[in-house]
Protein backbone atom coordinates (compact mmCIF):
# COMPACT_ATOMS: atom_id res chain seq x y z
CA MET A 1 -7.18 -14.61 15.31
CA LEU A 2 -4.68 -15.00 12.46
CA ILE A 3 -2.54 -11.96 11.67
CA GLY A 4 0.28 -11.19 9.26
CA SER A 5 2.59 -9.33 11.60
CA SER A 6 5.38 -6.92 10.71
CA GLY A 7 7.24 -7.93 13.86
CA ASP A 8 7.12 -8.29 17.63
CA ALA A 9 5.79 -4.77 18.20
CA GLU A 10 2.70 -5.45 16.09
CA THR A 11 2.10 -8.92 17.51
CA GLN A 12 2.35 -7.68 21.09
CA ALA A 13 0.09 -4.68 20.42
CA VAL A 14 -2.62 -6.82 18.82
CA GLN A 15 -2.40 -9.36 21.66
CA ALA A 16 -2.67 -6.58 24.26
CA ALA A 17 -5.76 -5.18 22.51
CA ALA A 18 -7.35 -8.62 22.27
CA ASP A 19 -6.63 -9.23 25.96
CA ALA A 20 -8.15 -5.86 26.91
CA TRP A 21 -11.32 -6.67 24.98
CA GLY A 22 -11.37 -10.11 26.57
CA GLU A 23 -11.23 -8.62 30.05
CA GLU A 24 -14.20 -6.39 29.21
CA THR A 25 -16.32 -9.15 27.70
CA GLY A 26 -15.17 -12.38 29.33
CA ASN A 27 -13.99 -13.81 26.01
CA THR A 28 -10.58 -15.25 25.15
CA VAL A 29 -8.74 -14.50 21.92
CA GLU A 30 -5.79 -16.57 20.74
CA VAL A 31 -3.59 -14.43 18.48
CA ILE A 32 -1.50 -16.36 15.95
CA ALA A 33 1.15 -14.50 13.94
CA ALA A 34 1.34 -16.29 10.60
CA SER A 35 4.70 -17.04 9.03
CA ASP A 36 2.91 -16.86 5.64
CA LEU A 37 -0.52 -15.25 6.01
CA VAL A 38 -1.84 -15.97 2.51
CA GLN A 39 -0.75 -19.61 2.63
CA GLN A 40 -2.08 -20.27 6.14
CA LEU A 41 -5.36 -18.49 5.43
CA GLY A 42 -5.82 -20.59 2.30
CA GLN A 43 -5.08 -23.77 4.23
CA GLY A 44 -7.62 -22.82 6.88
CA PHE A 45 -10.40 -22.32 4.36
CA SER A 46 -9.52 -25.38 2.27
CA GLY A 47 -9.57 -27.47 5.44
CA ASN A 48 -12.94 -26.00 6.51
CA ASN A 49 -11.29 -24.61 9.62
CA PRO A 50 -10.75 -20.89 9.02
CA PRO A 51 -9.87 -18.55 11.90
CA ASP A 52 -12.72 -16.62 13.52
CA ILE A 53 -11.08 -13.32 12.60
CA PHE A 54 -8.08 -12.57 10.40
CA TYR A 55 -6.15 -9.99 8.44
CA MET A 56 -7.59 -9.94 4.90
CA PRO A 57 -5.01 -8.34 2.56
CA TRP A 58 -6.24 -5.86 -0.05
CA ASP A 59 -4.86 -7.96 -2.90
CA GLN A 60 -6.67 -11.12 -1.74
CA PHE A 61 -10.02 -9.59 -0.83
CA GLN A 62 -11.71 -9.72 -4.24
CA SER A 63 -10.79 -13.38 -4.73
CA TYR A 64 -12.07 -14.42 -1.30
CA ALA A 65 -15.27 -12.39 -1.67
CA ALA A 66 -15.92 -13.78 -5.17
CA GLN A 67 -15.60 -17.33 -3.88
CA GLY A 68 -18.09 -16.68 -1.08
CA PHE A 69 -15.61 -17.20 1.74
CA LEU A 70 -16.24 -13.93 3.59
CA GLU A 71 -19.06 -12.76 5.83
CA PRO A 72 -20.24 -9.30 4.65
CA TYR A 73 -20.65 -7.90 8.15
CA ALA A 74 -19.34 -4.35 7.78
CA SER A 75 -22.71 -2.62 7.45
CA GLU A 76 -23.69 -4.04 10.86
CA LEU A 77 -20.87 -2.21 12.65
CA SER A 78 -21.86 0.73 14.83
CA ASN A 79 -18.96 2.68 13.29
CA ALA A 80 -19.62 1.57 9.69
CA GLY A 81 -19.97 5.18 8.52
CA ASP A 82 -16.71 6.35 10.07
CA PHE A 83 -14.23 4.78 7.65
CA LEU A 84 -12.39 6.67 4.91
CA PRO A 85 -14.29 6.35 1.59
CA ALA A 86 -11.23 5.13 -0.35
CA LEU A 87 -10.86 2.23 2.08
CA VAL A 88 -14.57 1.39 2.02
CA GLU A 89 -14.27 1.16 -1.76
CA GLN A 90 -11.25 -1.13 -1.44
CA PHE A 91 -13.27 -3.63 0.61
CA THR A 92 -16.52 -3.46 -1.33
CA TYR A 93 -17.57 -6.34 -3.57
CA GLU A 94 -20.60 -6.16 -5.87
CA ASP A 95 -21.70 -2.93 -4.17
CA GLU A 96 -21.60 -4.42 -0.66
CA PHE A 97 -19.18 -3.19 2.02
CA TYR A 98 -17.77 -6.44 3.37
CA CYS A 99 -15.18 -5.90 6.08
CA ALA A 100 -13.77 -3.13 8.25
CA PRO A 101 -10.44 -1.63 7.11
CA LYS A 102 -8.06 -2.07 10.01
CA ASP A 103 -5.62 0.69 8.99
CA PHE A 104 -3.90 1.93 5.85
CA SER A 105 -0.71 3.13 4.24
CA THR A 106 -0.08 5.30 1.19
CA LEU A 107 3.07 5.98 -0.79
CA GLY A 108 5.03 9.19 -0.34
CA LEU A 109 8.37 10.65 -1.41
CA GLN A 110 11.20 10.33 1.12
CA ILE A 111 14.02 12.88 0.93
CA ASN A 112 17.45 12.49 2.55
CA THR A 113 17.76 15.94 4.12
CA GLU A 114 21.55 15.77 4.42
CA ALA A 115 21.91 15.03 0.70
CA TRP A 116 19.29 17.68 -0.08
CA GLU A 117 21.18 20.41 1.76
CA ALA A 118 24.53 19.28 0.33
CA ALA A 119 23.08 19.74 -3.16
CA GLY A 120 22.11 23.32 -2.32
CA LEU A 121 18.38 22.57 -2.34
CA THR A 122 15.87 24.24 0.01
CA ASP A 123 12.28 23.75 1.14
CA ALA A 124 11.20 25.72 -1.92
CA ASP A 125 12.63 22.97 -4.14
CA VAL A 126 10.50 20.12 -2.76
CA PRO A 127 8.95 18.77 -5.98
CA THR A 128 5.22 19.07 -6.57
CA ASP A 129 5.12 18.04 -10.23
CA TRP A 130 6.97 15.77 -12.66
CA ASP A 131 9.22 18.47 -14.09
CA GLN A 132 10.38 19.47 -10.63
CA LEU A 133 10.93 15.83 -9.64
CA ALA A 134 13.11 15.28 -12.71
CA THR A 135 15.10 18.42 -11.92
CA VAL A 136 15.84 17.61 -8.27
CA ALA A 137 16.53 13.94 -9.05
CA GLN A 138 19.19 15.09 -11.52
CA THR A 139 20.60 17.62 -9.05
CA LEU A 140 20.87 14.97 -6.33
CA THR A 141 22.60 12.41 -8.54
CA THR A 142 26.33 12.10 -7.83
CA ASP A 143 28.99 9.45 -8.28
CA GLU A 144 28.01 8.02 -4.88
CA GLN A 145 24.22 8.26 -5.00
CA VAL A 146 21.35 8.30 -7.47
CA GLY A 147 18.67 10.95 -7.16
CA LEU A 148 15.67 8.60 -7.04
CA SER A 149 14.97 4.91 -6.50
CA PHE A 150 11.87 2.77 -6.04
CA GLY A 151 10.86 -0.84 -6.51
CA ARG A 152 10.77 -2.08 -10.10
CA GLU A 153 7.18 -3.27 -9.80
CA TYR A 154 3.61 -2.38 -10.66
CA ALA A 155 2.94 -1.29 -7.06
CA ARG A 156 5.35 1.64 -7.56
CA LEU A 157 5.51 2.33 -11.30
CA GLY A 158 1.73 2.17 -11.56
CA VAL A 159 1.34 5.46 -9.70
CA PHE A 160 3.03 7.26 -12.59
CA MET A 161 0.42 5.87 -14.98
CA ASN A 162 -2.31 7.15 -12.67
CA GLN A 163 -0.60 10.53 -12.33
CA ALA A 164 -0.63 10.81 -16.12
CA GLY A 165 -4.41 10.37 -15.98
CA GLY A 166 -4.39 6.69 -16.84
CA ALA A 167 -5.94 3.57 -15.35
CA LEU A 168 -5.50 -0.10 -16.15
CA VAL A 169 -9.13 -1.15 -15.84
CA ASP A 170 -12.47 0.49 -16.63
CA GLY A 171 -15.21 -1.79 -15.34
CA ASP A 172 -14.84 -5.09 -17.21
CA THR A 173 -12.47 -3.64 -19.80
CA ALA A 174 -8.68 -3.50 -19.64
CA THR A 175 -7.27 -0.09 -20.58
CA ALA A 176 -3.57 -0.79 -20.01
CA ASP A 177 -2.64 0.33 -23.53
CA ALA A 178 -4.16 3.81 -23.10
CA ALA A 179 -1.97 6.74 -24.14
CA GLU A 180 -1.90 8.10 -20.57
CA ASN A 181 -0.40 4.86 -19.25
CA VAL A 182 2.23 4.95 -21.99
CA GLU A 183 3.04 8.53 -20.96
CA GLY A 184 3.53 7.43 -17.34
CA VAL A 185 5.94 4.64 -18.27
CA GLU A 186 7.81 6.89 -20.69
CA TYR A 187 8.30 9.47 -17.93
CA VAL A 188 9.92 6.80 -15.75
CA GLN A 189 12.07 5.76 -18.71
CA SER A 190 13.20 9.38 -19.15
CA LEU A 191 14.51 9.38 -15.57
CA ILE A 192 16.35 6.12 -16.21
CA GLU A 193 17.87 7.52 -19.40
CA ALA A 194 18.96 10.66 -17.55
CA GLY A 195 20.74 8.48 -14.99
CA SER A 196 18.74 9.96 -12.11
CA LEU A 197 16.62 6.84 -11.43
CA LYS A 198 17.99 3.42 -10.58
CA PHE A 199 16.12 0.51 -9.08
CA PRO A 200 17.21 -1.07 -5.77
CA GLN A 201 18.58 -4.17 -7.54
CA ASP A 202 20.90 -1.90 -9.54
CA LEU A 203 22.18 -0.43 -6.27
CA GLU A 204 22.80 -3.80 -4.59
CA ALA A 205 19.89 -3.16 -2.22
CA GLY A 206 16.97 -5.42 -1.40
CA TRP A 207 14.34 -2.65 -1.51
CA GLY A 208 14.02 1.10 -1.75
CA GLY A 209 14.36 1.62 1.98
CA GLU A 210 17.69 -0.18 2.09
CA ALA A 211 19.03 1.88 -0.84
CA PHE A 212 17.89 5.00 1.03
CA GLY A 213 19.36 3.96 4.35
CA LEU A 214 22.69 3.07 2.78
CA GLY A 215 22.87 6.49 1.15
CA LYS A 216 22.79 5.04 -2.35
CA ALA A 217 19.57 6.90 -3.22
CA ALA A 218 18.74 10.45 -2.11
CA MET A 219 14.99 9.99 -2.64
CA VAL A 220 12.74 6.93 -2.62
CA ILE A 221 9.03 6.19 -2.92
CA GLU A 222 7.80 4.16 0.06
CA GLY A 223 5.08 4.14 2.70
CA PRO A 224 5.14 4.86 6.44
CA TRP A 225 6.75 1.46 7.06
CA ILE A 226 10.04 3.12 6.10
CA ASN A 227 10.02 4.95 9.44
CA GLY A 228 10.52 1.78 11.46
CA ALA A 229 13.08 0.45 9.00
CA MET A 230 15.19 3.60 9.30
CA GLU A 231 14.84 3.70 13.08
CA ASN A 232 15.91 0.07 13.43
CA ASP A 233 18.52 -0.32 10.69
CA PHE A 234 19.71 3.18 9.79
CA PRO A 235 19.06 5.39 12.84
CA GLU A 236 21.50 8.03 11.59
CA ARG A 237 19.47 8.67 8.43
CA GLN A 238 17.69 12.03 8.61
CA PHE A 239 14.77 12.43 6.22
CA ILE A 240 11.33 13.84 5.54
CA SER A 241 8.32 12.36 3.76
CA THR A 242 6.31 14.51 1.34
CA GLU A 243 3.37 13.87 -0.95
CA LEU A 244 4.18 12.37 -4.33
CA PRO A 245 4.56 15.00 -7.07
CA ALA A 246 1.53 15.33 -9.33
CA GLY A 247 1.60 14.34 -12.97
CA PRO A 248 -0.20 15.89 -15.95
CA GLY A 249 -3.36 14.08 -14.85
CA GLY A 250 -3.14 15.34 -11.27
CA PRO A 251 -1.96 13.85 -7.97
CA SER A 252 -2.18 10.12 -7.29
CA THR A 253 -0.77 7.55 -4.92
CA TYR A 254 -1.65 4.02 -3.90
CA ALA A 255 -3.50 3.06 -0.73
CA PHE A 256 -2.69 -0.30 0.83
CA SER A 257 -4.80 -1.84 3.57
CA ASN A 258 -5.98 -4.99 5.28
CA CYS A 259 -9.47 -5.50 6.59
CA TRP A 260 -10.63 -7.55 9.53
CA GLY A 261 -11.96 -10.64 7.78
CA MET A 262 -14.60 -13.03 9.08
CA PRO A 263 -15.52 -16.40 7.53
CA VAL A 264 -19.01 -16.70 6.07
CA GLY A 265 -21.49 -18.29 8.47
CA SER A 266 -19.24 -17.67 11.47
CA GLU A 267 -20.54 -19.17 14.72
CA THR A 268 -18.84 -16.36 16.65
CA LYS A 269 -20.22 -13.53 14.49
CA ASP A 270 -21.76 -11.39 17.24
CA ALA A 271 -18.69 -11.56 19.48
CA THR A 272 -16.37 -10.98 16.52
CA ILE A 273 -18.30 -7.88 15.44
CA ASP A 274 -17.98 -6.55 18.98
CA LEU A 275 -14.23 -7.24 18.90
CA ILE A 276 -13.86 -5.52 15.52
CA GLU A 277 -15.71 -2.44 16.80
CA PHE A 278 -13.21 -2.37 19.68
CA LEU A 279 -10.20 -2.82 17.41
CA THR A 280 -11.33 -0.12 14.94
CA SER A 281 -12.18 2.51 17.55
CA ASP A 282 -10.10 5.66 17.20
CA GLU A 283 -8.53 5.12 20.62
CA GLN A 284 -7.35 1.61 19.79
CA GLN A 285 -6.21 2.49 16.26
CA LEU A 286 -4.12 5.38 17.62
CA ALA A 287 -2.57 2.95 20.10
CA PHE A 288 -1.67 0.68 17.16
CA ALA A 289 -0.26 3.70 15.31
CA ASP A 290 1.98 4.50 18.26
CA ALA A 291 3.08 0.87 18.59
CA PHE A 292 3.85 -0.06 14.98
CA GLY A 293 3.27 2.91 12.69
CA VAL A 294 0.03 2.24 10.83
CA ILE A 295 -2.49 4.99 10.04
CA PRO A 296 -6.06 4.75 11.44
CA SER A 297 -8.73 3.84 8.91
CA THR A 298 -11.41 6.26 10.15
CA GLU A 299 -11.82 9.91 9.14
CA SER A 300 -11.46 11.18 12.70
CA GLY A 301 -8.70 8.73 13.61
CA SER A 302 -6.54 9.63 10.61
CA ALA A 303 -6.98 13.35 11.34
CA ALA A 304 -5.89 12.82 14.94
CA TYR A 305 -2.93 10.77 13.69
CA ALA A 306 -1.79 13.59 11.39
CA GLU A 307 -1.77 15.96 14.37
CA GLN A 308 0.00 13.46 16.64
CA PHE A 309 2.57 12.47 14.01
CA PRO A 310 3.06 15.56 11.82
CA GLU A 311 6.08 13.99 10.14
CA ASN A 312 3.64 11.51 8.55
CA ALA A 313 0.97 14.02 7.52
CA ALA A 314 1.82 13.51 3.83
CA PHE A 315 0.72 9.88 3.99
CA VAL A 316 -2.64 10.90 5.46
CA ALA A 317 -3.12 13.64 2.87
CA GLY A 318 -2.56 11.10 0.11
CA VAL A 319 -5.65 9.08 0.94
CA ASP A 320 -7.84 11.89 -0.46
CA TYR A 321 -6.65 11.10 -3.99
CA ALA A 322 -5.33 7.56 -3.58
CA ALA A 323 -6.21 4.75 -5.94
CA SER A 324 -6.28 1.07 -5.09
CA PRO A 325 -3.89 -1.13 -7.05
CA VAL A 326 -5.82 -3.39 -9.43
CA ALA A 327 -6.82 -6.55 -7.56
CA PHE A 328 -9.48 -8.98 -8.74
CA GLN A 329 -9.68 -12.75 -8.85
CA GLY A 330 -6.95 -13.86 -11.24
CA ALA A 331 -5.07 -10.54 -11.36
CA ALA A 332 -2.09 -11.63 -9.23
CA PRO A 333 -0.36 -13.79 -11.89
CA VAL A 334 -0.89 -11.06 -14.50
CA PHE A 335 1.00 -8.55 -12.40
CA ALA A 336 3.65 -11.08 -11.41
CA ASP A 337 4.34 -11.48 -15.14
CA PHE A 338 4.26 -7.71 -15.67
CA ASN A 339 6.81 -7.25 -12.88
CA THR A 340 9.07 -9.72 -14.69
CA GLN A 341 8.65 -7.77 -17.93
CA LEU A 342 9.57 -4.57 -16.09
CA GLU A 343 13.10 -5.92 -15.71
CA GLN A 344 13.53 -4.59 -19.27
CA VAL A 345 11.78 -1.25 -18.67
CA GLY A 346 15.00 0.69 -19.20
CA SER A 347 15.33 -0.53 -22.78
CA ALA A 348 11.86 -1.73 -23.78
CA ASP A 349 9.28 0.19 -25.77
CA ALA A 350 6.63 1.44 -23.33
CA ALA A 351 3.72 0.81 -25.70
CA THR A 352 4.92 -2.75 -26.36
CA LEU A 353 5.17 -3.45 -22.62
CA LEU A 354 1.64 -2.20 -22.06
CA ASP A 355 0.22 -3.99 -25.11
CA ALA A 356 1.32 -7.29 -23.56
CA LEU A 357 -0.22 -6.30 -20.21
CA GLN A 358 -3.42 -5.27 -22.02
CA GLY A 359 -3.91 -8.74 -23.49
CA ASN A 360 -3.14 -10.60 -20.28
CA LEU A 361 -5.28 -8.29 -18.18
CA GLN A 362 -8.29 -8.54 -20.50
CA SER A 363 -8.05 -12.34 -20.51
CA ALA A 364 -7.97 -12.38 -16.72
CA LEU A 365 -10.93 -9.99 -16.51
CA ASP A 366 -12.93 -12.14 -18.94
CA ALA A 367 -12.17 -15.23 -16.87
CA ALA A 368 -13.11 -13.47 -13.62
CA ASN A 369 -16.40 -12.26 -15.08
CA GLY A 370 -17.19 -15.40 -17.04
């Protein structure tokens, strides 16, 4: 088993689960925590020696499925109908549900409660729409801290395009230059112009969580992984997580997940399916949630998680309206280039930025479908 681990807690929890299944079945599972999951997975397949089971990241799934590397086993699972629909969609290729989502994360809005109270804000001021977000971000901005920060990348800024009612792809057609997407980028630019939004790099921070922990940003947009980061690196930071404010097109967030991948033609298919059923049971997923903070991928498991961890209920609520970031074979370099172009988002024309993305995205779609 090859995993991309977030740290010792995750590695130990996965090993303990694999050992427990092994004791029940008489099988042995060797868990390997990759130093670079994507690279090591690619090397395994190129060398005709892939692992029997592995983490398959959401942004790699379409490429691996398109190349015929993955066994489409998910419909054979006894719990195939239990997974959240948004996650099933994320791991479906050409109308076939391929692999079981192992857990998920969504983006939410984190609020530094000390800064919030110091600014005279109350629970009634928690923003639920763009206008309210702009207002509280301005109120929270001082000489020492900016009101809002998030990563200067598609995986954060893209939610504003979705909240405006936009989308980057419609079937085989790129729609990056749609007016709704322009509106989303222009909203972000309005926050920059107001001085209430700065990116982590502008705050001498490596990512949004660090800017938040250091007290340089009063609000950030991150997922449930921020909980562990604050606990480990900034234990004094008191905060809450809420759902992202809705835009003119309604609420939207991103869902990120891995699935349990299996190589096509696997000689250990039956045993691996049994292991995956064990790993994706509600009981085991809630144990993983307790150990390293992920949210269960099943309807019943995520509901139980929201009750057990009410401070993270906003992340669970988000899956009902979450979108998947665009990910198809050949998309990664397009968005790497777009992220580079976003370095100029504070001064660039939004329509010009998206026109360039439109051309690159359509070319990549044509190549993927050609």
